[in-house]
Amino acid sequence: MNNKSYFNQLQVISEHATKLSSYLHVLQAYTENEMIDNNKIGNIFEILELAVKEIDIITENT
């Protein structure tokens, strides 16, 4: 693997890791707020699905 290919792969992984981190922070804040207001969590499955997709992309690129 040459340096350019390696750098590109690291850049892809970094971008998706950043997205995953953002999704998980949103999920954390969302669930904390919802837990305070009521017993229902709402639609966290959409956020979880996005997070899982990011993990899949990271896994494919490693």
C-alpha atoms as a PDB file:
ATOM      1  CA  MET A   1       0.000   0.000   0.000  1.00  0.00           C
ATOM      2  CA  ASN A   2       1.500   3.327  -1.001  1.00  0.00           C
ATOM      3  CA  ASN A   3       1.412   6.445   1.174  1.00  0.00           C
ATOM      4  CA  LYS A   4      -1.360   8.154  -0.811  1.00  0.00           C
ATOM      5  CA  SER A   5      -3.647   5.132  -0.575  1.00  0.00           C
ATOM      6  CA  TYR A   6      -2.885   4.775   3.130  1.00  0.00           C
ATOM      7  CA  PHE A   7      -3.585   8.482   3.730  1.00  0.00           C
ATOM      8  CA  ASN A   8      -6.866   8.288   1.795  1.00  0.00           C
ATOM      9  CA  GLN A   9      -7.961   5.255   3.802  1.00  0.00           C
ATOM     10  CA  LEU A  10      -7.117   7.021   7.069  1.00  0.00           C
ATOM     11  CA  GLN A  11      -9.041  10.090   5.930  1.00  0.00           C
ATOM     12  CA  VAL A  12     -12.148   8.001   5.178  1.00  0.00           C
ATOM     13  CA  ILE A  13     -11.903   6.268   8.546  1.00  0.00           C
ATOM     14  CA  SER A  14     -11.411   9.592  10.330  1.00  0.00           C
ATOM     15  CA  GLU A  15     -14.422  11.196   8.633  1.00  0.00           C
ATOM     16  CA  HIS A  16     -16.720   8.307   9.532  1.00  0.00           C
ATOM     17  CA  ALA A  17     -15.355   8.028  13.070  1.00  0.00           C
ATOM     18  CA  THR A  18     -16.161  11.729  13.524  1.00  0.00           C
ATOM     19  CA  LYS A  19     -19.706  11.175  12.227  1.00  0.00           C
ATOM     20  CA  LEU A  20     -20.122   8.179  14.527  1.00  0.00           C
ATOM     21  CA  SER A  21     -18.941  10.202  17.492  1.00  0.00           C
ATOM     22  CA  SER A  22     -21.408  12.962  16.628  1.00  0.00           C
ATOM     23  CA  TYR A  23     -24.313  10.518  16.306  1.00  0.00           C
ATOM     24  CA  LEU A  24     -23.480   8.963  19.664  1.00  0.00           C
ATOM     25  CA  HIS A  25     -23.278  12.372  21.351  1.00  0.00           C
ATOM     26  CA  VAL A  26     -26.674  13.278  19.900  1.00  0.00           C
ATOM     27  CA  LEU A  27     -28.046   9.968  21.115  1.00  0.00           C
ATOM     28  CA  GLN A  28     -26.650  10.559  24.593  1.00  0.00           C
ATOM     29  CA  ALA A  29     -28.083  14.085  24.863  1.00  0.00           C
ATOM     30  CA  TYR A  30     -31.406  13.029  23.356  1.00  0.00           C
ATOM     31  CA  THR A  31     -31.923  10.094  25.688  1.00  0.00           C
ATOM     32  CA  GLU A  32     -30.876  12.103  28.739  1.00  0.00           C
ATOM     33  CA  ASN A  33     -33.431  14.812  27.905  1.00  0.00           C
ATOM     34  CA  GLU A  34     -36.192  12.324  27.101  1.00  0.00           C
ATOM     35  CA  MET A  35     -35.564  10.338  30.272  1.00  0.00           C
ATOM     36  CA  ILE A  36     -35.984  13.520  32.343  1.00  0.00           C
ATOM     37  CA  ASP A  37     -39.231  14.580  30.634  1.00  0.00           C
ATOM     38  CA  ASN A  38     -40.997  11.227  30.430  1.00  0.00           C
ATOM     39  CA  ASN A  39     -40.535   7.484  30.375  1.00  0.00           C
ATOM     40  CA  LYS A  40     -40.595   7.199  26.584  1.00  0.00           C
ATOM     41  CA  ILE A  41     -37.317   7.396  24.710  1.00  0.00           C
ATOM     42  CA  GLY A  42     -38.746   8.331  21.312  1.00  0.00           C
ATOM     43  CA  ASN A  43     -37.164   7.280  18.030  1.00  0.00           C
ATOM     44  CA  ILE A  44     -33.589   6.452  19.038  1.00  0.00           C
ATOM     45  CA  PHE A  45     -33.526   3.615  16.520  1.00  0.00           C
ATOM     46  CA  GLU A  46     -32.910   6.087  13.675  1.00  0.00           C
ATOM     47  CA  ILE A  47     -29.838   7.485  15.432  1.00  0.00           C
ATOM     48  CA  LEU A  48     -28.628   3.976  16.263  1.00  0.00           C
ATOM     49  CA  GLU A  49     -29.078   2.910  12.647  1.00  0.00           C
ATOM     50  CA  LEU A  50     -26.930   5.826  11.458  1.00  0.00           C
ATOM     51  CA  ALA A  51     -24.273   4.985  14.038  1.00  0.00           C
ATOM     52  CA  VAL A  52     -24.210   1.332  12.968  1.00  0.00           C
ATOM     53  CA  LYS A  53     -23.878   2.350   9.306  1.00  0.00           C
ATOM     54  CA  GLU A  54     -20.856   4.482  10.210  1.00  0.00           C
ATOM     55  CA  ILE A  55     -19.303   1.546  12.077  1.00  0.00           C
ATOM     56  CA  ASP A  56     -19.868  -0.646   9.000  1.00  0.00           C
ATOM     57  CA  ILE A  57     -18.146   1.899   6.754  1.00  0.00           C
ATOM     58  CA  ILE A  58     -15.192   2.159   9.155  1.00  0.00           C
ATOM     59  CA  THR A  59     -14.930  -1.628   9.308  1.00  0.00           C
ATOM     60  CA  GLU A  60     -14.996  -1.963   5.516  1.00  0.00           C
ATOM     61  CA  ASN A  61     -12.117   0.524   5.210  1.00  0.00           C
ATOM     62  CA  THR A  62      -9.772  -1.099   7.722  1.00  0.00           C
END
